Amino acid sequence: MPQSAFVGKWQTHTSRVTNKPAITVIIVELNQRLGGAVVLVNPDASEIKLPIVNLNIKENVLEFETRDKNDIFYWSLALRRNPDRGLLHGSSGEMLVDEPVRKQPRTRQ
């Protein structure tokens, strides 16, 4: 699977409390390498943006990490048959995330 299939903005469902997606994964390609960030939305609608590190692609799964202070969060984004849908899995200690995600359409500027 080409790495370009992962490039874009992937979002979980929109929270009724914040009216924002709970998690957004932003994947960009620069100089033929992938990078990006994960944006986590708190219950008060504030956001935490964490850079993606240690990115690796295995077939249709993108594996990566984010770090916040001393915590490392391990993530995987698995693409489904529909190229605009995936499953986001994340773990750090006892905290687990398993959420369907949708790739947002690209907007022209």
Protein backbone atom coordinates (compact mmCIF):
# COMPACT_ATOMS: atom_id res chain seq x y z
CA MET A 1 0.00 0.00 0.00
CA PRO A 2 1.47 3.39 -0.92
CA GLN A 3 2.19 5.71 1.96
CA SER A 4 0.15 8.46 0.27
CA ALA A 5 -3.03 6.54 1.23
CA PHE A 6 -2.40 7.66 4.83
CA VAL A 7 -1.83 11.34 4.06
CA GLY A 8 -4.64 13.56 5.28
CA LYS A 9 -6.71 14.44 8.32
CA TRP A 10 -8.32 11.47 10.08
CA GLN A 11 -11.00 12.21 12.69
CA THR A 12 -13.04 10.28 15.24
CA HIS A 13 -16.69 11.09 15.94
CA THR A 14 -17.63 14.58 17.06
CA SER A 15 -18.18 14.92 20.80
CA ARG A 16 -21.56 16.29 21.87
CA VAL A 17 -19.82 18.07 24.76
CA THR A 18 -17.17 19.95 22.75
CA ASN A 19 -18.63 19.83 19.22
CA LYS A 20 -15.14 18.77 18.06
CA PRO A 21 -13.73 15.40 17.04
CA ALA A 22 -12.27 13.75 20.14
CA ILE A 23 -9.09 12.78 18.24
CA THR A 24 -7.63 14.08 14.99
CA VAL A 25 -4.63 12.44 13.34
CA ILE A 26 -2.90 14.67 10.79
CA ILE A 27 -0.53 12.86 8.41
CA VAL A 28 1.62 14.90 6.03
CA GLU A 29 4.29 13.98 3.51
CA LEU A 30 7.47 16.05 3.32
CA ASN A 31 10.48 15.03 1.22
CA GLN A 32 8.97 11.57 0.63
CA ARG A 33 8.67 10.93 4.39
CA LEU A 34 5.56 10.90 6.54
CA GLY A 35 5.08 12.93 9.70
CA GLY A 36 2.34 14.78 11.48
CA ALA A 37 0.57 15.20 14.78
CA VAL A 38 -2.26 13.90 16.94
CA VAL A 39 -4.72 16.43 18.37
CA LEU A 40 -6.57 15.35 21.50
CA VAL A 41 -9.59 17.37 22.67
CA ASN A 42 -10.24 17.66 26.40
CA PRO A 43 -13.77 17.84 27.90
CA ASP A 44 -13.35 21.64 28.25
CA ALA A 45 -12.66 21.82 24.46
CA SER A 46 -8.99 22.70 24.97
CA GLU A 47 -6.61 20.84 22.68
CA ILE A 48 -3.33 19.02 23.10
CA LYS A 49 -1.25 18.67 19.92
CA LEU A 50 1.43 15.98 20.04
CA PRO A 51 3.97 15.40 17.26
CA ILE A 52 4.16 11.94 15.71
CA VAL A 53 7.46 10.07 16.12
CA ASN A 54 8.80 6.63 15.15
CA LEU A 55 6.44 6.22 12.22
CA ASN A 56 6.37 2.87 10.39
CA ILE A 57 4.10 1.37 7.70
CA LYS A 58 3.25 -2.34 7.62
CA GLU A 59 0.97 -3.14 4.67
CA ASN A 60 -2.29 -1.25 5.40
CA VAL A 61 -1.33 -0.18 8.95
CA LEU A 62 0.50 2.98 10.00
CA GLU A 63 2.19 2.59 13.40
CA PHE A 64 3.56 5.57 15.34
CA GLU A 65 4.08 7.08 18.78
CA THR A 66 3.32 10.35 20.52
CA ARG A 67 4.92 11.61 23.70
CA ASP A 68 3.50 13.90 26.37
CA LYS A 69 5.91 14.61 29.21
CA ASN A 70 6.95 11.12 30.40
CA ASP A 71 4.04 9.27 28.77
CA ILE A 72 4.44 7.40 25.48
CA PHE A 73 1.29 6.61 23.55
CA TYR A 74 1.48 3.82 20.94
CA TRP A 75 -0.86 4.21 17.96
CA SER A 76 -1.90 2.32 14.86
CA LEU A 77 -4.12 3.50 12.02
CA ALA A 78 -5.46 0.58 9.98
CA LEU A 79 -7.07 1.37 6.64
CA ARG A 80 -10.27 -0.39 5.67
CA ARG A 81 -11.50 -1.36 2.21
CA ASN A 82 -13.01 2.08 1.79
CA PRO A 83 -9.89 4.29 1.50
CA ASP A 84 -11.50 7.08 3.53
CA ARG A 85 -12.20 4.92 6.59
CA GLY A 86 -9.96 3.36 9.16
CA LEU A 87 -9.60 2.14 12.71
CA LEU A 88 -7.47 4.06 15.18
CA HIS A 89 -6.00 2.08 18.05
CA GLY A 90 -3.97 3.68 20.82
CA SER A 91 -2.57 2.55 24.14
CA SER A 92 -0.57 3.94 27.03
CA GLY A 93 -0.47 1.91 30.22
CA GLU A 94 -4.07 1.03 31.06
CA MET A 95 -5.57 3.66 28.74
CA LEU A 96 -6.92 2.24 25.47
CA VAL A 97 -8.46 3.88 22.40
CA ASP A 98 -10.29 1.96 19.67
CA GLU A 99 -12.19 4.34 17.43
CA PRO A 100 -13.37 4.32 13.84
CA VAL A 101 -11.97 7.28 11.91
CA ARG A 102 -12.84 9.02 8.66
CA LYS A 103 -10.49 10.81 6.35
CA GLN A 104 -11.68 14.35 5.80
CA PRO A 105 -11.97 15.64 2.24
CA ARG A 106 -9.12 17.89 1.18
CA THR A 107 -10.06 21.53 1.06
CA ARG A 108 -8.65 23.87 -1.52
CA GLN A 109 -7.11 27.10 -0.37
